[in-house]
PDB file of N, CA and C in Angstrom:
ATOM      1  N   UNK A   1    -159.066  88.818 -66.430  1.00  0.00           N
ATOM      2  CA  UNK A   1    -157.880  88.374 -65.756  1.00  0.00           C
ATOM      3  C   UNK A   1    -157.821  86.856 -65.835  1.00  0.00           C
ATOM      4  N   UNK A   2    -156.641  86.322 -66.020  1.00  0.00           N
ATOM      5  CA  UNK A   2    -156.427  84.877 -66.045  1.00  0.00           C
ATOM      6  C   UNK A   2    -155.430  84.535 -64.957  1.00  0.00           C
ATOM      7  N   UNK A   3    -155.778  83.542 -64.164  1.00  0.00           N
ATOM      8  CA  UNK A   3    -154.904  83.105 -63.074  1.00  0.00           C
ATOM      9  C   UNK A   3    -154.587  81.626 -63.261  1.00  0.00           C
ATOM     10  N   UNK A   4    -153.307  81.307 -63.200  1.00  0.00           N
ATOM     11  CA  UNK A   4    -152.862  79.918 -63.309  1.00  0.00           C
ATOM     12  C   UNK A   4    -152.875  79.289 -61.909  1.00  0.00           C
ATOM     13  N   UNK A   5    -153.464  78.096 -61.807  1.00  0.00           N
ATOM     14  CA  UNK A   5    -153.539  77.403 -60.530  1.00  0.00           C
ATOM     15  C   UNK A   5    -153.142  75.943 -60.726  1.00  0.00           C
ATOM     16  N   UNK A   6    -152.665  75.354 -59.672  1.00  0.00           N
ATOM     17  CA  UNK A   6    -152.382  73.924 -59.664  1.00  0.00           C
ATOM     18  C   UNK A   6    -153.459  73.262 -58.812  1.00  0.00           C
ATOM     19  N   UNK A   7    -154.249  72.406 -59.446  1.00  0.00           N
ATOM     20  CA  UNK A   7    -155.354  71.745 -58.760  1.00  0.00           C
ATOM     21  C   UNK A   7    -155.187  70.245 -58.923  1.00  0.00           C
ATOM     22  N   UNK A   8    -155.068  69.564 -57.804  1.00  0.00           N
ATOM     23  CA  UNK A   8    -154.866  68.109 -57.802  1.00  0.00           C
ATOM     24  C   UNK A   8    -153.714  67.695 -58.718  1.00  0.00           C
ATOM     25  N   UNK A   9    -152.652  68.498 -58.731  1.00  0.00           N
ATOM     26  CA  UNK A   9    -151.462  68.182 -59.510  1.00  0.00           C
ATOM     27  C   UNK A   9    -151.539  68.553 -60.979  1.00  0.00           C
ATOM     28  N   UNK A  10    -152.628  69.197 -61.411  1.00  0.00           N
ATOM     29  CA  UNK A  10    -152.779  69.603 -62.807  1.00  0.00           C
ATOM     30  C   UNK A  10    -152.788  71.122 -62.898  1.00  0.00           C
ATOM     31  N   UNK A  11    -152.174  71.635 -63.959  1.00  0.00           N
ATOM     32  CA  UNK A  11    -152.198  73.075 -64.193  1.00  0.00           C
ATOM     33  C   UNK A  11    -153.508  73.455 -64.870  1.00  0.00           C
ATOM     34  N   UNK A  12    -154.161  74.466 -64.304  1.00  0.00           N
ATOM     35  CA  UNK A  12    -155.435  74.944 -64.821  1.00  0.00           C
ATOM     36  C   UNK A  12    -155.383  76.463 -64.842  1.00  0.00           C
ATOM     37  N   UNK A  13    -155.960  77.062 -65.860  1.00  0.00           N
ATOM     38  CA  UNK A  13    -156.038  78.515 -65.955  1.00  0.00           C
ATOM     39  C   UNK A  13    -157.503  78.901 -65.786  1.00  0.00           C
ATOM     40  N   UNK A  14    -157.757  79.810 -64.851  1.00  0.00           N
ATOM     41  CA  UNK A  14    -159.114  80.285 -64.594  1.00  0.00           C
ATOM     42  C   UNK A  14    -159.189  81.736 -65.053  1.00  0.00           C
ATOM     43  N   UNK A  15    -160.146  82.011 -65.900  1.00  0.00           N
ATOM     44  CA  UNK A  15    -160.338  83.362 -66.424  1.00  0.00           C
ATOM     45  C   UNK A  15    -161.590  83.960 -65.802  1.00  0.00           C
ATOM     46  N   UNK A  16    -161.476  85.173 -65.298  1.00  0.00           N
ATOM     47  CA  UNK A  16    -162.606  85.899 -64.726  1.00  0.00           C
ATOM     48  C   UNK A  16    -162.832  87.147 -65.565  1.00  0.00           C
ATOM     49  N   UNK A  17    -164.063  87.326 -66.009  1.00  0.00           N
ATOM     50  CA  UNK A  17    -164.424  88.484 -66.825  1.00  0.00           C
ATOM     51  C   UNK A  17    -165.581  89.231 -66.178  1.00  0.00           C
ATOM     52  N   UNK A  18    -165.627  90.537 -66.376  1.00  0.00           N
ATOM     53  CA  UNK A  18    -166.771  91.302 -65.882  1.00  0.00           C
ATOM     54  C   UNK A  18    -167.955  91.077 -66.813  1.00  0.00           C
ATOM     55  N   UNK A  19    -169.135  91.186 -66.251  1.00  0.00           N
ATOM     56  CA  UNK A  19    -170.375  90.940 -66.990  1.00  0.00           C
ATOM     57  C   UNK A  19    -171.371  92.012 -66.567  1.00  0.00           C
ATOM     58  N   UNK A  20    -171.684  92.913 -67.485  1.00  0.00           N
ATOM     59  CA  UNK A  20    -172.612  93.995 -67.177  1.00  0.00           C
ATOM     60  C   UNK A  20    -174.034  93.510 -67.418  1.00  0.00           C
ATOM     61  N   UNK A  21    -174.881  93.717 -66.442  1.00  0.00           N
ATOM     62  CA  UNK A  21    -176.269  93.281 -66.520  1.00  0.00           C
ATOM     63  C   UNK A  21    -177.164  94.489 -66.723  1.00  0.00           C
ATOM     64  N   UNK A  22    -177.887  94.496 -67.830  1.00  0.00           N
ATOM     65  CA  UNK A  22    -178.828  95.591 -68.098  1.00  0.00           C
ATOM     66  C   UNK A  22    -180.084  95.364 -67.266  1.00  0.00           C
ATOM     67  N   UNK A  23    -180.478  96.368 -66.546  1.00  0.00           N
ATOM     68  CA  UNK A  23    -181.684  96.290 -65.718  1.00  0.00           C
ATOM     69  C   UNK A  23    -182.677  97.355 -66.181  1.00  0.00           C
ATOM     70  N   UNK A  24    -183.965  97.058 -66.027  1.00  0.00           N
ATOM     71  CA  UNK A  24    -184.985  98.032 -66.404  1.00  0.00           C
ATOM     72  C   UNK A  24    -184.939  99.251 -65.484  1.00  0.00           C
ATOM     73  N   UNK A  25    -184.521  99.034 -64.232  1.00  0.00           N
ATOM     74  CA  UNK A  25    -184.358 100.126 -63.281  1.00  0.00           C
ATOM     75  C   UNK A  25    -182.867 100.236 -62.955  1.00  0.00           C
ATOM     76  N   UNK A  26    -182.196 101.295 -63.416  1.00  0.00           N
ATOM     77  CA  UNK A  26    -180.742 101.405 -63.200  1.00  0.00           C
ATOM     78  C   UNK A  26    -180.340 101.598 -61.733  1.00  0.00           C
ATOM     79  N   UNK A  27    -181.315 101.830 -60.851  1.00  0.00           N
ATOM     80  CA  UNK A  27    -181.010 102.005 -59.436  1.00  0.00           C
ATOM     81  C   UNK A  27    -180.875 100.686 -58.687  1.00  0.00           C
ATOM     82  N   UNK A  28    -181.194  99.586 -59.341  1.00  0.00           N
ATOM     83  CA  UNK A  28    -181.034  98.268 -58.723  1.00  0.00           C
ATOM     84  C   UNK A  28    -179.574  97.867 -58.872  1.00  0.00           C
ATOM     85  N   UNK A  29    -178.943  97.532 -57.763  1.00  0.00           N
ATOM     86  CA  UNK A  29    -177.541  97.136 -57.815  1.00  0.00           C
ATOM     87  C   UNK A  29    -177.413  95.712 -57.307  1.00  0.00           C
ATOM     88  N   UNK A  30    -176.404  94.988 -57.700  1.00  0.00           N
ATOM     89  CA  UNK A  30    -175.341  95.426 -58.601  1.00  0.00           C
ATOM     90  C   UNK A  30    -175.739  95.277 -60.055  1.00  0.00           C
ATOM     91  N   UNK A  31    -175.091  96.028 -60.897  1.00  0.00           N
ATOM     92  CA  UNK A  31    -175.290  95.887 -62.337  1.00  0.00           C
ATOM     93  C   UNK A  31    -174.085  95.213 -62.975  1.00  0.00           C
ATOM     94  N   UNK A  32    -173.003  95.054 -62.214  1.00  0.00           N
ATOM     95  CA  UNK A  32    -171.826  94.370 -62.733  1.00  0.00           C
ATOM     96  C   UNK A  32    -171.589  93.096 -61.935  1.00  0.00           C
ATOM     97  N   UNK A  33    -171.496  92.025 -62.667  1.00  0.00           N
ATOM     98  CA  UNK A  33    -171.190  90.731 -62.079  1.00  0.00           C
ATOM     99  C   UNK A  33    -169.908  90.221 -62.737  1.00  0.00           C
ATOM    100  N   UNK A  34    -169.542  89.007 -62.409  1.00  0.00           N
ATOM    101  CA  UNK A  34    -168.350  88.390 -62.984  1.00  0.00           C
ATOM    102  C   UNK A  34    -168.671  86.970 -63.389  1.00  0.00           C
ATOM    103  N   UNK A  35    -168.019  86.511 -64.448  1.00  0.00           N
ATOM    104  CA  UNK A  35    -168.153  85.133 -64.902  1.00  0.00           C
ATOM    105  C   UNK A  35    -166.790  84.465 -64.811  1.00  0.00           C
ATOM    106  N   UNK A  36    -166.803  83.147 -64.789  1.00  0.00           N
ATOM    107  CA  UNK A  36    -165.544  82.393 -64.734  1.00  0.00           C
ATOM    108  C   UNK A  36    -165.562  81.312 -65.798  1.00  0.00           C
ATOM    109  N   UNK A  37    -164.410  81.080 -66.375  1.00  0.00           N
ATOM    110  CA  UNK A  37    -164.217  79.952 -67.284  1.00  0.00           C
ATOM    111  C   UNK A  37    -162.835  79.384 -67.000  1.00  0.00           C
ATOM    112  N   UNK A  38    -162.608  78.160 -67.454  1.00  0.00           N
ATOM    113  CA  UNK A  38    -161.322  77.530 -67.177  1.00  0.00           C
ATOM    114  C   UNK A  38    -160.768  76.867 -68.426  1.00  0.00           C
ATOM    115  N   UNK A  39    -159.457  76.738 -68.421  1.00  0.00           N
ATOM    116  CA  UNK A  39    -158.717  76.096 -69.514  1.00  0.00           C
ATOM    117  C   UNK A  39    -157.869  74.985 -68.918  1.00  0.00           C
ATOM    118  N   UNK A  40    -157.881  73.833 -69.554  1.00  0.00           N
ATOM    119  CA  UNK A  40    -157.010  72.744 -69.132  1.00  0.00           C
ATOM    120  C   UNK A  40    -155.682  72.788 -69.873  1.00  0.00           C
ATOM    121  N   UNK A  41    -155.634  73.563 -70.956  1.00  0.00           N
ATOM    122  CA  UNK A  41    -154.396  73.833 -71.695  1.00  0.00           C
ATOM    123  C   UNK A  41    -154.169  75.331 -71.655  1.00  0.00           C
ATOM    124  N   UNK A  42    -152.921  75.746 -71.820  1.00  0.00           N
ATOM    125  CA  UNK A  42    -152.605  77.167 -71.730  1.00  0.00           C
ATOM    126  C   UNK A  42    -153.467  77.987 -72.689  1.00  0.00           C
ATOM    127  N   UNK A  43    -154.082  79.068 -72.199  1.00  0.00           N
ATOM    128  CA  UNK A  43    -154.910  79.911 -73.069  1.00  0.00           C
ATOM    129  C   UNK A  43    -154.106  80.441 -74.247  1.00  0.00           C
ATOM    130  N   UNK A  44    -154.793  80.631 -75.350  1.00  0.00           N
ATOM    131  CA  UNK A  44    -154.128  81.117 -76.547  1.00  0.00           C
ATOM    132  C   UNK A  44    -153.738  79.993 -77.484  1.00  0.00           C
ATOM    133  N   UNK A  45    -154.012  78.752 -77.079  1.00  0.00           N
ATOM    134  CA  UNK A  45    -153.676  77.611 -77.930  1.00  0.00           C
ATOM    135  C   UNK A  45    -154.779  77.335 -78.945  1.00  0.00           C
ATOM    136  N   UNK A  46    -155.716  78.291 -79.106  1.00  0.00           N
ATOM    137  CA  UNK A  46    -156.764  78.149 -80.102  1.00  0.00           C
ATOM    138  C   UNK A  46    -158.041  77.532 -79.563  1.00  0.00           C
ATOM    139  N   UNK A  47    -158.041  77.093 -78.320  1.00  0.00           N
ATOM    140  CA  UNK A  47    -159.236  76.487 -77.742  1.00  0.00           C
ATOM    141  C   UNK A  47    -159.915  77.475 -76.807  1.00  0.00           C
ATOM    142  N   UNK A  48    -161.233  77.417 -76.803  1.00  0.00           N
ATOM    143  CA  UNK A  48    -162.027  78.263 -75.922  1.00  0.00           C
ATOM    144  C   UNK A  48    -162.012  77.692 -74.511  1.00  0.00           C
ATOM    145  N   UNK A  49    -162.188  78.566 -73.537  1.00  0.00           N
ATOM    146  CA  UNK A  49    -162.321  78.117 -72.166  1.00  0.00           C
ATOM    147  C   UNK A  49    -163.693  77.510 -71.938  1.00  0.00           C
ATOM    148  N   UNK A  50    -163.798  76.695 -70.921  1.00  0.00           N
ATOM    149  CA  UNK A  50    -165.064  76.074 -70.549  1.00  0.00           C
ATOM    150  C   UNK A  50    -165.726  76.963 -69.503  1.00  0.00           C
ATOM    151  N   UNK A  51    -166.916  77.475 -69.814  1.00  0.00           N
ATOM    152  CA  UNK A  51    -167.608  78.385 -68.905  1.00  0.00           C
ATOM    153  C   UNK A  51    -168.146  77.628 -67.697  1.00  0.00           C
ATOM    154  N   UNK A  52    -168.150  78.297 -66.551  1.00  0.00           N
ATOM    155  CA  UNK A  52    -168.758  77.756 -65.339  1.00  0.00           C
ATOM    156  C   UNK A  52    -170.238  78.124 -65.402  1.00  0.00           C
ATOM    157  N   UNK A  53    -171.102  77.119 -65.390  1.00  0.00           N
ATOM    158  CA  UNK A  53    -172.538  77.332 -65.496  1.00  0.00           C
ATOM    159  C   UNK A  53    -173.237  77.002 -64.190  1.00  0.00           C
ATOM    160  N   UNK A  54    -174.460  77.529 -64.053  1.00  0.00           N
ATOM    161  CA  UNK A  54    -175.256  77.202 -62.877  1.00  0.00           C
ATOM    162  C   UNK A  54    -175.998  75.892 -63.120  1.00  0.00           C
ATOM    163  N   UNK A  55    -176.853  75.505 -62.184  1.00  0.00           N
ATOM    164  CA  UNK A  55    -177.552  74.220 -62.291  1.00  0.00           C
ATOM    165  C   UNK A  55    -178.555  74.181 -63.438  1.00  0.00           C
ATOM    166  N   UNK A  56    -178.928  75.346 -63.991  1.00  0.00           N
ATOM    167  CA  UNK A  56    -179.839  75.401 -65.135  1.00  0.00           C
ATOM    168  C   UNK A  56    -179.105  75.444 -66.469  1.00  0.00           C
ATOM    169  N   UNK A  57    -177.776  75.418 -66.426  1.00  0.00           N
ATOM    170  CA  UNK A  57    -176.984  75.449 -67.648  1.00  0.00           C
ATOM    171  C   UNK A  57    -176.696  76.849 -68.157  1.00  0.00           C
ATOM    172  N   UNK A  58    -177.107  77.872 -67.404  1.00  0.00           N
ATOM    173  CA  UNK A  58    -176.818  79.257 -67.785  1.00  0.00           C
ATOM    174  C   UNK A  58    -175.507  79.687 -67.146  1.00  0.00           C
ATOM    175  N   UNK A  59    -174.875  80.695 -67.728  1.00  0.00           N
ATOM    176  CA  UNK A  59    -173.611  81.180 -67.178  1.00  0.00           C
ATOM    177  C   UNK A  59    -173.834  81.649 -65.741  1.00  0.00           C
ATOM    178  N   UNK A  60    -173.008  81.143 -64.831  1.00  0.00           N
ATOM    179  CA  UNK A  60    -173.127  81.514 -63.423  1.00  0.00           C
ATOM    180  C   UNK A  60    -172.513  82.889 -63.214  1.00  0.00           C
ATOM    181  N   UNK A  61    -173.248  83.751 -62.504  1.00  0.00           N
ATOM    182  CA  UNK A  61    -172.792  85.105 -62.223  1.00  0.00           C
ATOM    183  C   UNK A  61    -172.338  85.196 -60.778  1.00  0.00           C
ATOM    184  N   UNK A  62    -171.228  85.905 -60.570  1.00  0.00           N
ATOM    185  CA  UNK A  62    -170.644  86.078 -59.246  1.00  0.00           C
ATOM    186  C   UNK A  62    -170.596  87.563 -58.919  1.00  0.00           C
ATOM    187  N   UNK A  63    -170.659  87.888 -57.636  1.00  0.00           N
ATOM    188  CA  UNK A  63    -170.652  89.284 -57.212  1.00  0.00           C
ATOM    189  C   UNK A  63    -169.249  89.875 -57.115  1.00  0.00           C
ATOM    190  N   UNK A  64    -168.221  89.028 -57.145  1.00  0.00           N
ATOM    191  CA  UNK A  64    -166.849  89.535 -57.092  1.00  0.00           C
ATOM    192  C   UNK A  64    -165.911  88.577 -57.816  1.00  0.00           C
ATOM    193  N   UNK A  65    -164.740  89.059 -58.233  1.00  0.00           N
ATOM    194  CA  UNK A  65    -163.754  88.164 -58.849  1.00  0.00           C
ATOM    195  C   UNK A  65    -163.284  87.083 -57.878  1.00  0.00           C
ATOM    196  N   UNK A  66    -163.178  87.426 -56.599  1.00  0.00           N
ATOM    197  CA  UNK A  66    -162.743  86.443 -55.600  1.00  0.00           C
ATOM    198  C   UNK A  66    -163.762  85.315 -55.490  1.00  0.00           C
ATOM    199  N   UNK A  67    -165.039  85.655 -55.488  1.00  0.00           N
ATOM    200  CA  UNK A  67    -166.085  84.628 -55.425  1.00  0.00           C
ATOM    201  C   UNK A  67    -166.030  83.727 -56.655  1.00  0.00           C
ATOM    202  N   UNK A  68    -165.771  84.309 -57.815  1.00  0.00           N
ATOM    203  CA  UNK A  68    -165.675  83.520 -59.051  1.00  0.00           C
ATOM    204  C   UNK A  68    -164.497  82.552 -58.991  1.00  0.00           C
ATOM    205  N   UNK A  69    -163.334  83.041 -58.560  1.00  0.00           N
ATOM    206  CA  UNK A  69    -162.141  82.189 -58.455  1.00  0.00           C
ATOM    207  C   UNK A  69    -162.341  81.074 -57.423  1.00  0.00           C
ATOM    208  N   UNK A  70    -162.928  81.400 -56.297  1.00  0.00           N
ATOM    209  CA  UNK A  70    -163.145  80.410 -55.242  1.00  0.00           C
ATOM    210  C   UNK A  70    -164.091  79.309 -55.699  1.00  0.00           C
ATOM    211  N   UNK A  71    -165.189  79.702 -56.343  1.00  0.00           N
ATOM    212  CA  UNK A  71    -166.156  78.720 -56.820  1.00  0.00           C
ATOM    213  C   UNK A  71    -165.534  77.828 -57.890  1.00  0.00           C
ATOM    214  N   UNK A  72    -164.809  78.445 -58.826  1.00  0.00           N
ATOM    215  CA  UNK A  72    -164.180  77.674 -59.898  1.00  0.00           C
ATOM    216  C   UNK A  72    -163.195  76.658 -59.319  1.00  0.00           C
ATOM    217  N   UNK A  73    -162.408  77.077 -58.353  1.00  0.00           N
ATOM    218  CA  UNK A  73    -161.445  76.162 -57.727  1.00  0.00           C
ATOM    219  C   UNK A  73    -162.138  74.980 -57.070  1.00  0.00           C
ATOM    220  N   UNK A  74    -163.191  75.235 -56.295  1.00  0.00           N
ATOM    221  CA  UNK A  74    -163.918  74.155 -55.631  1.00  0.00           C
ATOM    222  C   UNK A  74    -164.531  73.196 -56.648  1.00  0.00           C
ATOM    223  N   UNK A  75    -165.093  73.744 -57.711  1.00  0.00           N
ATOM    224  CA  UNK A  75    -165.693  72.905 -58.748  1.00  0.00           C
ATOM    225  C   UNK A  75    -164.623  72.037 -59.419  1.00  0.00           C
ATOM    226  N   UNK A  76    -163.484  72.651 -59.752  1.00  0.00           N
ATOM    227  CA  UNK A  76    -162.429  71.906 -60.434  1.00  0.00           C
ATOM    228  C   UNK A  76    -161.778  70.866 -59.505  1.00  0.00           C
ATOM    229  N   UNK A  77    -161.671  71.155 -58.223  1.00  0.00           N
ATOM    230  CA  UNK A  77    -161.128  70.169 -57.287  1.00  0.00           C
ATOM    231  C   UNK A  77    -161.999  68.917 -57.258  1.00  0.00           C
ATOM    232  N   UNK A  78    -163.292  69.080 -57.467  1.00  0.00           N
ATOM    233  CA  UNK A  78    -164.209  67.946 -57.440  1.00  0.00           C
ATOM    234  C   UNK A  78    -164.158  67.101 -58.723  1.00  0.00           C
ATOM    235  N   UNK A  79    -163.769  67.714 -59.832  1.00  0.00           N
ATOM    236  CA  UNK A  79    -163.812  66.981 -61.111  1.00  0.00           C
ATOM    237  C   UNK A  79    -162.455  66.578 -61.653  1.00  0.00           C
ATOM    238  N   UNK A  80    -161.375  67.164 -61.143  1.00  0.00           N
ATOM    239  CA  UNK A  80    -160.046  66.805 -61.667  1.00  0.00           C
ATOM    240  C   UNK A  80    -159.401  65.742 -60.812  1.00  0.00           C
TER     241      UNK A  80
END
């Protein structure tokens, strides 16, 4: 899903995708997380979105799409 937002007067598109995590024990939940990336130009213009990473530089995983959108918004408000 891609959501268009206005942050600090700039249009930004935030994309949230599901991310399935393979576990050695399938009874450990959750096995589905979500990732977020953002675009400063309208998606589809040939440029890739910028992934939201954790402090170690790995893709940050979220437990829900709402958590991903909220985190992305807070991060972008700080940098835009």
